[in-house]
Amino acid sequence: MSPITTAPQLTPRQQIDALLDLIKTSAYQALDEYEKYGQPLPSLDSLTSHPLDGFVDSRNHPPQKTHLEPGRRMRPALHEPSASFTYSDQLCSCWLRPFTHPGLGIADAIAASSSGSLRTSDLSRQFNVEESKLTTMLRLLATRHCFREVDKDVFSNNRLSVHITSRGPISGWIDFLTSYSATGALNLYDALTDPDYAL
């Protein structure tokens, strides 16, 4: 009976090299997937739409995109917008919710401006919201690659924020993620213990 052999133990450097190789290979495969549709991947600062951007169902992502999870900063660049919002951290999703509300169409207002960007002071007056809080929220989202601060207190749309306008389905998707999903989680205990309908 032959002895059981174990795989050689990788050094920390070898583990990092293997991880980087996986990320690089997966990133190139994701780029190839975009190019199958006849257009290259738009940059994060681009307002140009891509045929893949319209997909809201994030369940069928190819395996190479899940391999990008270790490279979190690469995720917004290579995922389609709906997936970027779905897989973003909960803080980002919750802070996005006000921006998808019909009464606070920040992305719509920026898209309609002649310069393609607006000051937070102008947005504050237009939507009757407190300027410093609005600026803080926009800056947080900009660090998650949603909106772009082109100058101090001046924001423009980018590849992600242009998809949370009132015309797109992703606004409704974000509202679902941050309202119905959260409500279900908050009421789970009651659903499990209610004497009338608990299992």
Protein backbone atom coordinates (compact mmCIF):
# COMPACT_ATOMS: atom_id res chain seq x y z
CA MET A 1 0.00 0.00 0.00
CA SER A 2 1.52 3.28 -1.09
CA PRO A 3 1.91 6.00 1.53
CA ILE A 4 -0.46 8.94 1.47
CA THR A 5 1.20 12.01 0.01
CA THR A 6 0.19 15.53 0.89
CA ALA A 7 0.47 18.61 -1.24
CA PRO A 8 3.57 20.68 -0.53
CA GLN A 9 3.02 23.57 1.84
CA LEU A 10 3.15 26.89 0.03
CA THR A 11 5.11 29.74 1.51
CA PRO A 12 3.24 33.01 2.15
CA ARG A 13 4.90 34.52 -0.94
CA GLN A 14 3.81 31.56 -3.07
CA GLN A 15 0.26 31.87 -1.75
CA ILE A 16 0.18 35.57 -2.69
CA ASP A 17 1.64 34.83 -6.13
CA ALA A 18 -1.01 32.15 -6.74
CA LEU A 19 -3.76 34.53 -5.64
CA LEU A 20 -2.48 37.30 -7.93
CA ASP A 21 -2.28 34.85 -10.85
CA LEU A 22 -5.90 33.81 -10.22
CA ILE A 23 -7.05 37.44 -10.08
CA LYS A 24 -5.13 38.34 -13.25
CA THR A 25 -6.48 35.36 -15.20
CA SER A 26 -10.03 36.03 -14.00
CA ALA A 27 -9.78 39.73 -14.86
CA TYR A 28 -8.68 38.96 -18.43
CA GLN A 29 -11.51 36.43 -18.79
CA ALA A 30 -13.98 39.09 -17.62
CA LEU A 31 -12.57 41.55 -20.17
CA ASP A 32 -13.00 38.91 -22.89
CA GLU A 33 -16.62 38.44 -21.83
CA TYR A 34 -17.34 42.16 -22.28
CA GLU A 35 -15.65 42.18 -25.68
CA LYS A 36 -17.84 39.28 -26.87
CA TYR A 37 -20.63 41.87 -27.11
CA GLY A 38 -18.63 43.96 -29.58
CA GLN A 39 -17.63 46.71 -27.16
CA PRO A 40 -14.71 47.00 -24.75
CA LEU A 41 -15.24 47.43 -21.03
CA PRO A 42 -16.11 51.09 -20.22
CA SER A 43 -13.90 52.80 -17.65
CA LEU A 44 -15.35 53.69 -14.24
CA ASP A 45 -15.45 57.36 -15.27
CA SER A 46 -17.30 56.61 -18.51
CA LEU A 47 -20.97 57.44 -19.02
CA THR A 48 -21.14 55.09 -22.01
CA SER A 49 -23.43 52.13 -21.51
CA HIS A 50 -22.46 48.56 -22.36
CA PRO A 51 -24.88 45.79 -23.49
CA LEU A 52 -24.13 43.86 -20.28
CA ASP A 53 -25.12 46.81 -18.09
CA GLY A 54 -28.81 46.07 -18.48
CA PHE A 55 -28.61 42.72 -16.69
CA VAL A 56 -30.11 42.97 -13.20
CA ASP A 57 -30.07 39.27 -12.32
CA SER A 58 -26.74 38.69 -10.57
CA ARG A 59 -27.16 34.96 -9.93
CA ASN A 60 -25.54 33.79 -13.14
CA HIS A 61 -22.17 35.51 -12.98
CA PRO A 62 -19.40 33.46 -14.57
CA PRO A 63 -16.95 31.89 -12.09
CA GLN A 64 -14.12 34.20 -13.12
CA LYS A 65 -15.96 37.18 -11.63
CA THR A 66 -16.33 35.50 -8.25
CA HIS A 67 -12.58 34.94 -8.31
CA LEU A 68 -12.19 38.72 -8.30
CA GLU A 69 -13.46 38.90 -4.71
CA PRO A 70 -9.91 39.08 -3.27
CA GLY A 71 -9.28 42.13 -5.43
CA ARG A 72 -12.14 44.23 -4.06
CA ARG A 73 -11.00 47.38 -5.84
CA MET A 74 -11.23 45.54 -9.16
CA ARG A 75 -14.83 44.49 -8.60
CA PRO A 76 -16.50 47.80 -9.57
CA ALA A 77 -14.33 48.01 -12.67
CA LEU A 78 -15.13 44.53 -14.02
CA HIS A 79 -18.62 43.71 -12.73
CA GLU A 80 -21.71 45.09 -14.44
CA PRO A 81 -23.35 47.87 -12.34
CA SER A 82 -26.13 45.76 -10.81
CA ALA A 83 -23.58 43.26 -9.50
CA SER A 84 -21.37 46.03 -8.12
CA PHE A 85 -24.30 47.33 -6.07
CA THR A 86 -25.41 43.84 -5.05
CA TYR A 87 -22.00 42.76 -3.80
CA SER A 88 -21.01 46.12 -2.32
CA ASP A 89 -20.86 46.34 1.45
CA GLN A 90 -24.13 46.92 3.29
CA LEU A 91 -23.10 50.45 4.31
CA CYS A 92 -22.78 51.49 0.68
CA SER A 93 -26.13 49.91 -0.24
CA CYS A 94 -27.94 51.62 2.64
CA TRP A 95 -26.43 55.00 1.83
CA LEU A 96 -27.45 54.55 -1.79
CA ARG A 97 -31.11 54.10 -0.95
CA PRO A 98 -31.94 57.84 -0.54
CA PHE A 99 -30.41 58.48 -3.95
CA THR A 100 -32.89 56.11 -5.59
CA HIS A 101 -35.88 57.81 -3.95
CA PRO A 102 -38.04 59.71 -6.49
CA GLY A 103 -37.72 62.89 -4.41
CA LEU A 104 -33.92 62.86 -4.44
CA GLY A 105 -32.85 62.40 -8.04
CA ILE A 106 -29.20 63.37 -7.64
CA ALA A 107 -27.97 61.26 -10.56
CA ASP A 108 -30.81 62.61 -12.73
CA ALA A 109 -29.99 66.21 -11.82
CA ILE A 110 -26.30 65.76 -12.58
CA ALA A 111 -27.09 64.06 -15.90
CA ALA A 112 -29.38 66.95 -16.87
CA SER A 113 -26.84 69.67 -16.05
CA SER A 114 -25.09 71.36 -18.96
CA SER A 115 -21.62 70.83 -17.46
CA GLY A 116 -22.18 67.22 -16.43
CA SER A 117 -21.41 68.05 -12.81
CA LEU A 118 -23.02 69.99 -9.96
CA ARG A 119 -21.94 71.58 -6.69
CA THR A 120 -23.40 70.14 -3.53
CA SER A 121 -24.65 73.63 -2.63
CA ASP A 122 -26.78 73.63 -5.81
CA LEU A 123 -28.01 70.08 -5.16
CA SER A 124 -28.81 71.02 -1.57
CA ARG A 125 -31.01 73.91 -2.67
CA GLN A 126 -32.65 71.93 -5.46
CA PHE A 127 -33.67 69.02 -3.22
CA ASN A 128 -33.98 70.88 0.09
CA VAL A 129 -31.46 68.72 1.95
CA GLU A 130 -28.69 69.74 4.33
CA GLU A 131 -25.53 70.42 2.32
CA SER A 132 -22.85 69.01 4.63
CA LYS A 133 -24.70 65.72 5.06
CA LEU A 134 -25.29 65.44 1.32
CA THR A 135 -21.59 66.11 0.67
CA THR A 136 -20.59 63.44 3.18
CA MET A 137 -22.88 60.87 1.57
CA LEU A 138 -21.64 61.66 -1.93
CA ARG A 139 -18.02 61.44 -0.82
CA LEU A 140 -18.62 58.07 0.80
CA LEU A 141 -20.22 56.77 -2.38
CA ALA A 142 -17.37 58.20 -4.45
CA THR A 143 -14.92 56.08 -2.42
CA ARG A 144 -17.02 53.08 -3.54
CA HIS A 145 -16.72 54.23 -7.17
CA CYS A 146 -20.29 55.56 -7.33
CA PHE A 147 -20.24 59.25 -8.38
CA ARG A 148 -16.96 61.11 -8.82
CA GLU A 149 -15.76 64.25 -7.04
CA VAL A 150 -14.21 66.25 -9.88
CA ASP A 151 -13.44 69.28 -7.72
CA LYS A 152 -14.04 70.21 -4.09
CA ASP A 153 -17.78 69.73 -3.43
CA VAL A 154 -18.43 69.20 -7.16
CA PHE A 155 -19.70 65.79 -8.28
CA SER A 156 -20.30 64.14 -11.62
CA ASN A 157 -21.82 60.83 -12.62
CA ASN A 158 -19.71 57.85 -13.56
CA ARG A 159 -20.25 54.30 -14.81
CA LEU A 160 -22.09 53.23 -11.65
CA SER A 161 -24.07 56.32 -10.66
CA VAL A 162 -25.47 56.83 -14.16
CA HIS A 163 -27.40 53.59 -13.61
CA ILE A 164 -29.26 54.80 -10.51
CA THR A 165 -31.21 57.40 -12.43
CA SER A 166 -34.99 57.10 -12.41
CA ARG A 167 -34.92 55.67 -15.95
CA GLY A 168 -33.06 52.49 -15.05
CA PRO A 169 -34.17 49.29 -13.31
CA ILE A 170 -31.24 49.30 -10.89
CA SER A 171 -32.88 51.97 -8.71
CA GLY A 172 -35.73 49.56 -8.04
CA TRP A 173 -33.25 46.76 -7.37
CA ILE A 174 -31.43 48.85 -4.74
CA ASP A 175 -34.74 49.78 -3.13
CA PHE A 176 -35.62 46.08 -2.92
CA LEU A 177 -32.23 45.15 -1.43
CA THR A 178 -32.32 47.87 1.22
CA SER A 179 -35.98 47.77 2.19
CA TYR A 180 -37.68 44.41 1.67
CA SER A 181 -34.58 42.38 2.46
CA ALA A 182 -33.88 44.36 5.61
CA THR A 183 -37.53 44.21 6.68
CA GLY A 184 -37.51 40.44 6.28
CA ALA A 185 -34.41 40.11 8.42
CA LEU A 186 -35.85 42.37 11.13
CA ASN A 187 -39.06 40.34 11.28
CA LEU A 188 -37.48 36.90 11.15
CA TYR A 189 -37.63 36.35 14.91
CA ASP A 190 -41.33 37.30 15.04
CA ALA A 191 -42.05 34.97 12.12
CA LEU A 192 -40.36 32.09 13.93
CA THR A 193 -42.06 32.65 17.28
CA ASP A 194 -45.54 33.88 16.39
CA PRO A 195 -48.01 31.29 17.78
CA ASP A 196 -50.42 31.65 14.85
CA TYR A 197 -48.19 31.12 11.84
CA ALA A 198 -44.72 30.10 13.05
CA LEU A 199 -43.52 26.72 11.84
